[in-house]
Protein backbone atom coordinates (compact mmCIF):
# COMPACT_ATOMS: atom_id res chain seq x y z
CA MET A 1 46.65 -159.11 130.02
CA THR A 2 47.87 -158.13 133.96
CA PHE A 3 45.29 -156.34 136.13
CA GLU A 4 47.39 -154.97 138.95
CA THR A 5 44.34 -152.86 140.22
CA ILE A 6 40.46 -153.65 139.76
CA GLY A 7 37.79 -151.63 140.38
CA PHE A 8 33.98 -152.50 141.15
CA LEU A 9 30.95 -150.28 140.46
CA TYR A 10 27.71 -151.84 141.52
CA HIS A 11 24.30 -150.52 141.03
CA PRO A 12 23.19 -148.54 144.26
CA THR A 13 19.63 -149.81 144.96
CA VAL A 14 20.44 -153.62 144.77
CA PRO A 15 22.05 -154.78 148.47
CA ALA A 16 22.69 -157.76 146.27
CA ALA A 17 25.13 -155.89 144.26
CA ALA A 18 26.97 -154.44 146.69
CA ALA A 19 27.18 -157.63 148.62
CA LEU A 20 28.79 -159.30 145.24
CA ALA A 21 30.98 -156.87 144.87
CA ASP A 22 32.39 -157.26 148.17
CA GLU A 23 32.47 -161.18 147.93
CA LEU A 24 34.29 -160.89 144.36
CA ARG A 25 37.19 -158.46 146.26
CA LEU A 26 37.65 -161.25 149.04
CA GLY A 27 37.78 -164.00 146.01
CA ILE A 28 40.40 -162.36 144.28
CA ALA A 29 42.55 -161.32 146.97
CA GLY A 30 46.39 -162.67 146.25
CA HIS A 31 45.29 -162.58 142.75
CA THR A 32 45.66 -158.96 141.69
CA GLY A 33 47.13 -155.87 143.50
CA ARG A 34 44.25 -153.67 144.79
CA THR A 35 41.19 -153.61 144.44
CA TRP A 36 38.21 -150.41 145.00
CA SER A 37 34.36 -150.48 145.13
CA ARG A 38 31.60 -147.80 144.45
CA SER A 39 28.18 -146.91 143.71
CA ALA A 40 27.85 -146.74 140.00
CA TRP A 41 26.03 -143.21 140.76
CA ASP A 42 29.11 -142.17 143.19
CA PRO A 43 30.99 -139.10 141.60
CA THR A 44 34.20 -140.31 143.24
CA ALA A 45 34.68 -143.24 141.16
CA LEU A 46 35.78 -141.21 138.55
CA ASP A 47 38.96 -140.27 140.53
CA LEU A 48 39.71 -144.05 141.23
CA MET A 49 40.06 -144.46 137.45
CA ASP A 50 43.74 -143.58 137.03
CA GLY A 51 45.69 -146.68 137.39
CA THR A 52 42.95 -149.07 137.59
CA ASP A 53 43.31 -151.97 134.65
CA LEU A 54 40.31 -153.33 134.89
CA LEU A 55 36.26 -152.38 136.06
CA VAL A 56 34.06 -155.00 136.88
CA CYS A 57 30.54 -153.53 136.58
CA ILE A 58 27.61 -155.34 138.83
CA GLY A 59 24.20 -154.88 137.92
CA GLY A 60 22.44 -154.44 134.30
CA ASP A 61 23.33 -152.81 131.36
CA GLY A 62 22.34 -149.60 132.77
CA THR A 63 25.76 -149.94 135.30
CA VAL A 64 27.59 -151.10 132.15
CA LEU A 65 26.48 -147.76 130.33
CA ARG A 66 27.60 -145.43 133.39
CA GLY A 67 30.85 -147.62 133.92
CA ALA A 68 31.77 -147.13 130.05
CA ARG A 69 31.31 -143.55 129.75
CA THR A 70 33.02 -143.11 133.29
CA VAL A 71 36.31 -144.62 132.26
CA ILE A 72 36.92 -142.11 129.22
CA PRO A 73 39.41 -141.25 128.21
CA ARG A 74 40.73 -144.41 129.58
CA PRO A 75 41.39 -147.52 127.84
CA ILE A 76 40.10 -149.60 130.98
CA PRO A 77 38.52 -153.05 129.62
CA ILE A 78 35.22 -154.09 131.56
CA PHE A 79 33.92 -157.26 133.10
CA GLY A 80 30.43 -156.88 133.12
CA VAL A 81 27.98 -159.31 135.78
CA ASN A 82 24.41 -159.37 134.86
CA MET A 83 21.76 -158.70 137.79
CA GLY A 84 19.28 -157.00 135.75
CA ARG A 85 16.85 -157.99 132.93
CA LEU A 86 18.69 -158.80 129.48
CA GLY A 87 22.33 -158.58 130.04
CA PHE A 88 23.27 -157.45 126.77
CA LEU A 89 26.24 -155.97 127.90
CA SER A 90 27.05 -158.14 130.78
CA GLU A 91 27.35 -161.70 130.04
CA VAL A 92 28.39 -163.31 133.45
CA SER A 93 25.62 -164.19 136.13
CA PRO A 94 26.28 -163.81 139.72
CA ALA A 95 26.53 -167.34 140.44
CA HIS A 96 29.26 -167.89 138.00
CA ALA A 97 31.00 -164.23 138.48
CA LEU A 98 33.88 -165.50 140.75
CA PRO A 99 34.93 -168.16 138.59
CA ARG A 100 34.84 -166.47 135.35
CA LEU A 101 36.39 -163.50 136.98
CA MET A 102 39.22 -165.34 137.75
CA GLU A 103 39.57 -167.10 134.59
CA VAL A 104 39.88 -163.38 133.10
CA LEU A 105 42.91 -162.75 135.83
CA LEU A 106 44.63 -166.12 134.63
CA GLY A 107 44.55 -164.54 131.14
CA ALA A 108 41.63 -166.11 129.54
CA GLY A 109 39.15 -163.88 127.21
CA ARG A 110 38.91 -161.61 124.38
CA ILE A 111 38.89 -157.87 123.80
CA GLU A 112 35.78 -156.55 122.22
CA GLN A 113 35.81 -152.96 120.99
CA ARG A 114 32.24 -151.04 120.92
CA THR A 115 31.68 -147.88 118.86
CA MET A 116 30.63 -144.95 120.94
CA VAL A 117 29.23 -141.80 120.09
CA ARG A 118 29.97 -137.98 121.05
CA ALA A 119 27.27 -135.04 120.69
CA LYS A 120 27.25 -131.76 121.22
CA VAL A 121 24.37 -129.21 121.81
CA VAL A 122 24.50 -126.13 120.01
CA LEU A 123 21.83 -123.65 121.40
CA PRO A 124 19.82 -121.37 118.73
CA ASP A 125 22.39 -118.54 118.87
CA GLY A 126 25.04 -121.05 117.69
CA ARG A 127 26.68 -121.18 121.64
CA PRO A 128 27.33 -124.25 122.70
CA ALA A 129 25.50 -125.23 125.53
CA ALA A 130 27.27 -125.43 129.03
CA GLY A 131 29.02 -128.50 130.15
CA LEU A 132 27.53 -130.45 126.91
CA GLU A 133 30.34 -129.61 124.75
CA HIS A 134 31.50 -133.31 124.79
CA GLN A 135 28.82 -135.69 125.78
CA HIS A 136 29.62 -139.47 124.85
CA ALA A 137 26.98 -141.89 124.94
CA LEU A 138 27.63 -145.69 123.94
CA ASN A 139 24.21 -146.43 123.46
CA ASP A 140 22.30 -143.74 121.80
CA VAL A 141 21.68 -140.06 121.55
CA VAL A 142 17.92 -139.49 121.55
CA VAL A 143 16.32 -135.99 120.86
CA GLY A 144 12.79 -135.99 121.06
CA ARG A 145 9.47 -134.73 122.96
CA TYR A 146 9.06 -132.76 126.35
CA GLY A 147 5.42 -133.00 127.01
CA GLY A 148 2.41 -134.28 124.75
CA ARG A 149 2.94 -133.07 121.49
CA PRO A 150 5.35 -134.21 118.97
CA VAL A 151 8.49 -132.10 117.90
CA TYR A 152 9.73 -131.40 114.57
CA VAL A 153 13.28 -132.54 113.98
CA HIS A 154 14.93 -131.46 110.94
CA VAL A 155 17.70 -134.32 110.00
CA LEU A 156 21.05 -133.56 108.45
CA ILE A 157 23.29 -135.74 107.40
CA ASP A 158 26.86 -134.44 106.24
CA GLY A 159 25.38 -130.76 106.51
CA VAL A 160 22.87 -131.76 103.89
CA GLN A 161 18.95 -131.59 105.28
CA VAL A 162 17.57 -134.95 103.77
CA GLU A 163 14.11 -135.20 106.10
CA VAL A 164 11.84 -133.30 108.42
CA VAL A 165 10.07 -135.97 110.74
CA ARG A 166 7.35 -135.20 112.95
CA ALA A 167 7.43 -137.57 115.44
CA ASP A 168 8.15 -138.82 119.38
CA GLY A 169 11.64 -138.04 118.70
CA VAL A 170 14.68 -139.50 116.73
CA LEU A 171 17.33 -141.82 117.58
CA VAL A 172 20.96 -142.08 116.77
CA SER A 173 22.07 -145.19 118.08
CA THR A 174 25.75 -147.36 117.83
CA ALA A 175 25.61 -151.29 117.35
CA THR A 176 25.64 -151.24 121.02
CA GLY A 177 22.18 -149.40 121.33
CA SER A 178 20.83 -151.22 118.40
CA THR A 179 19.27 -153.81 120.86
CA GLY A 180 17.94 -151.26 123.12
CA TYR A 181 15.23 -148.24 122.33
CA ASN A 182 16.38 -148.72 118.44
CA LEU A 183 15.32 -151.81 118.21
CA SER A 184 11.82 -151.20 120.00
CA ALA A 185 11.10 -148.53 117.60
CA GLY A 186 11.75 -150.54 114.61
CA GLY A 187 15.51 -150.06 114.03
CA PRO A 188 17.94 -152.79 112.56
CA VAL A 189 20.28 -154.98 114.98
CA LEU A 190 23.91 -154.38 113.99
CA ALA A 191 27.14 -156.79 114.88
CA PRO A 192 28.73 -155.56 118.12
CA GLU A 193 31.32 -154.25 117.02
CA ALA A 194 30.15 -152.37 113.93
CA GLU A 195 31.26 -149.08 113.65
CA GLU A 196 28.01 -147.61 111.55
CA MET A 197 25.08 -145.37 113.23
CA VAL A 198 21.56 -146.25 112.85
CA LEU A 199 19.13 -142.89 112.75
CA THR A 200 15.83 -144.35 113.80
CA PRO A 201 12.41 -141.97 114.03
CA VAL A 202 10.33 -142.83 117.24
CA ALA A 203 6.33 -143.11 116.58
CA ALA A 204 6.89 -140.67 113.29
CA HIS A 205 3.32 -139.04 113.00
CA LEU A 206 1.65 -139.44 109.06
CA ALA A 207 5.15 -139.90 107.33
CA HIS A 208 7.06 -143.14 106.10
CA VAL A 209 10.51 -142.32 107.36
CA ARG A 210 12.31 -145.74 107.34
CA PRO A 211 15.68 -146.22 109.65
CA LEU A 212 18.66 -145.48 108.05
CA VAL A 213 22.22 -147.25 108.72
CA LEU A 214 24.70 -144.55 107.81
CA PRO A 215 28.48 -144.91 107.43
CA ARG A 216 30.62 -144.30 110.69
CA ASP A 217 32.39 -140.89 109.70
CA SER A 218 28.93 -139.36 109.32
CA LEU A 219 28.17 -136.04 111.03
CA ILE A 220 24.18 -136.30 112.10
CA GLU A 221 22.52 -133.07 112.96
CA LEU A 222 18.90 -132.76 114.56
CA ARG A 223 17.66 -129.47 114.93
CA VAL A 224 14.18 -128.90 116.92
CA GLU A 225 11.61 -126.87 115.95
CA THR A 226 9.13 -126.48 118.70
CA ASP A 227 7.37 -124.09 120.47
CA LEU A 228 7.41 -125.79 123.50
CA ARG A 229 10.56 -127.68 124.72
CA ALA A 230 11.91 -130.86 123.47
CA VAL A 231 14.74 -133.07 125.53
CA VAL A 232 18.12 -134.57 124.47
CA SER A 233 18.86 -138.05 126.24
CA PHE A 234 22.64 -139.70 126.40
CA ASP A 235 21.99 -143.40 127.09
CA GLY A 236 18.78 -142.44 128.39
CA GLN A 237 20.73 -141.56 132.04
CA ILE A 238 21.26 -137.71 131.23
CA ASP A 239 18.62 -135.43 129.98
CA PHE A 240 19.18 -132.33 128.99
CA PRO A 241 16.09 -129.58 127.45
CA LEU A 242 16.23 -128.01 124.63
CA PRO A 243 14.36 -124.74 123.18
CA GLY A 244 13.43 -124.57 119.69
CA GLY A 245 15.97 -124.00 117.66
CA ALA A 246 18.79 -126.02 119.23
CA SER A 247 20.48 -128.82 117.50
CA VAL A 248 22.30 -131.53 118.89
CA ARG A 249 25.62 -132.63 116.53
CA VAL A 250 26.26 -136.68 116.76
CA ARG A 251 29.18 -138.38 115.38
CA ARG A 252 31.53 -141.25 116.34
CA SER A 253 33.50 -141.08 119.12
CA GLU A 254 37.36 -140.90 119.19
CA HIS A 255 36.68 -143.44 122.17
CA THR A 256 35.38 -147.21 122.32
CA ALA A 257 34.16 -149.30 125.05
CA ARG A 258 36.08 -152.56 125.65
CA PHE A 259 34.77 -155.43 127.08
CA ILE A 260 36.03 -158.42 127.73
CA ARG A 261 34.55 -161.49 126.68
CA LEU A 262 35.05 -165.28 127.06
CA GLY A 263 32.97 -166.65 124.72
CA PRO A 264 33.49 -166.42 120.80
CA PRO A 265 32.05 -163.35 118.79
CA THR A 266 29.01 -165.91 117.58
CA ASP A 267 27.67 -166.28 121.35
CA PHE A 268 26.14 -162.65 120.55
CA PHE A 269 23.82 -164.24 117.70
CA ARG A 270 22.92 -167.30 119.36
CA ASN A 271 21.64 -165.22 122.48
CA LEU A 272 20.14 -162.40 120.80
CA THR A 273 16.75 -164.37 119.84
CA HIS A 274 16.74 -166.16 123.70
CA LEU A 275 17.45 -163.12 125.67
CA LEU A 276 14.45 -160.89 123.81
CA ASP A 277 11.93 -163.87 124.29
CA ASN A 278 12.59 -164.75 127.89
CA ALA A 279 13.10 -161.06 129.15
CA ARG A 280 12.18 -160.85 132.56
CA PRO A 281 11.10 -158.04 135.45
CA ALA A 282 14.01 -157.46 137.54
CA ILE A 283 15.71 -154.31 138.94
CA ARG A 284 15.75 -150.84 137.20
CA ASP A 285 18.93 -150.00 135.91
CA ASP A 286 19.29 -146.57 134.81
């Protein structure tokens, strides 16, 4: 792999993240053609993706989630530096960031491809919601209550209704997102490169609904029944209000997130219990 242009996205509210981006840019000077740096929340970062060969995300997993959506539709690999809590997506510590990044520039590492999902919001009258026709997510899509009452969610798989869930919400998770909200809601953890999706109710009321692992090509529709409002959330970062009768249709995206990994695939399983047992409070990274 050759990286002529390298971009840096950093968490905007952590001064150490921006400082580390500057340090890394200086450290790799002479080993690449061009670098650029932006806050992960800066919309102008999107304009810099064309021609970028590698994206370095400095922050927590939320910074990586933003980066993965920002590079679409370009197959730009992502190198994550963890300044957050768990670091499921960012496996390199700040102290080792420069030497590990230099290893990558010298040809080390492998590409790990992660499934993403694509969602479409359909309003009660059948019209697509403006601006949300093709919303992509790396972690999950969550349909849930807005306020104090649970919502009824009609769950359809490939056009067939399989359940009506009264719950705080229902989420559709990728393998990447299986270690996030899905895990907290009692869903299973999938291997990182699995292409299946997980359907998980969140705090189901008076029901025995269990999480479902669904085939990679399933079309999942979540139709909201409520007298008030519900909300759909993409990766926990983009929220959109849903009126009663609206639907969210989720399927596997045509795009994938590509991560550069320096360790073997088995590192995921070795680190999983360690990360969960040693989670620590740190920056909020959303």
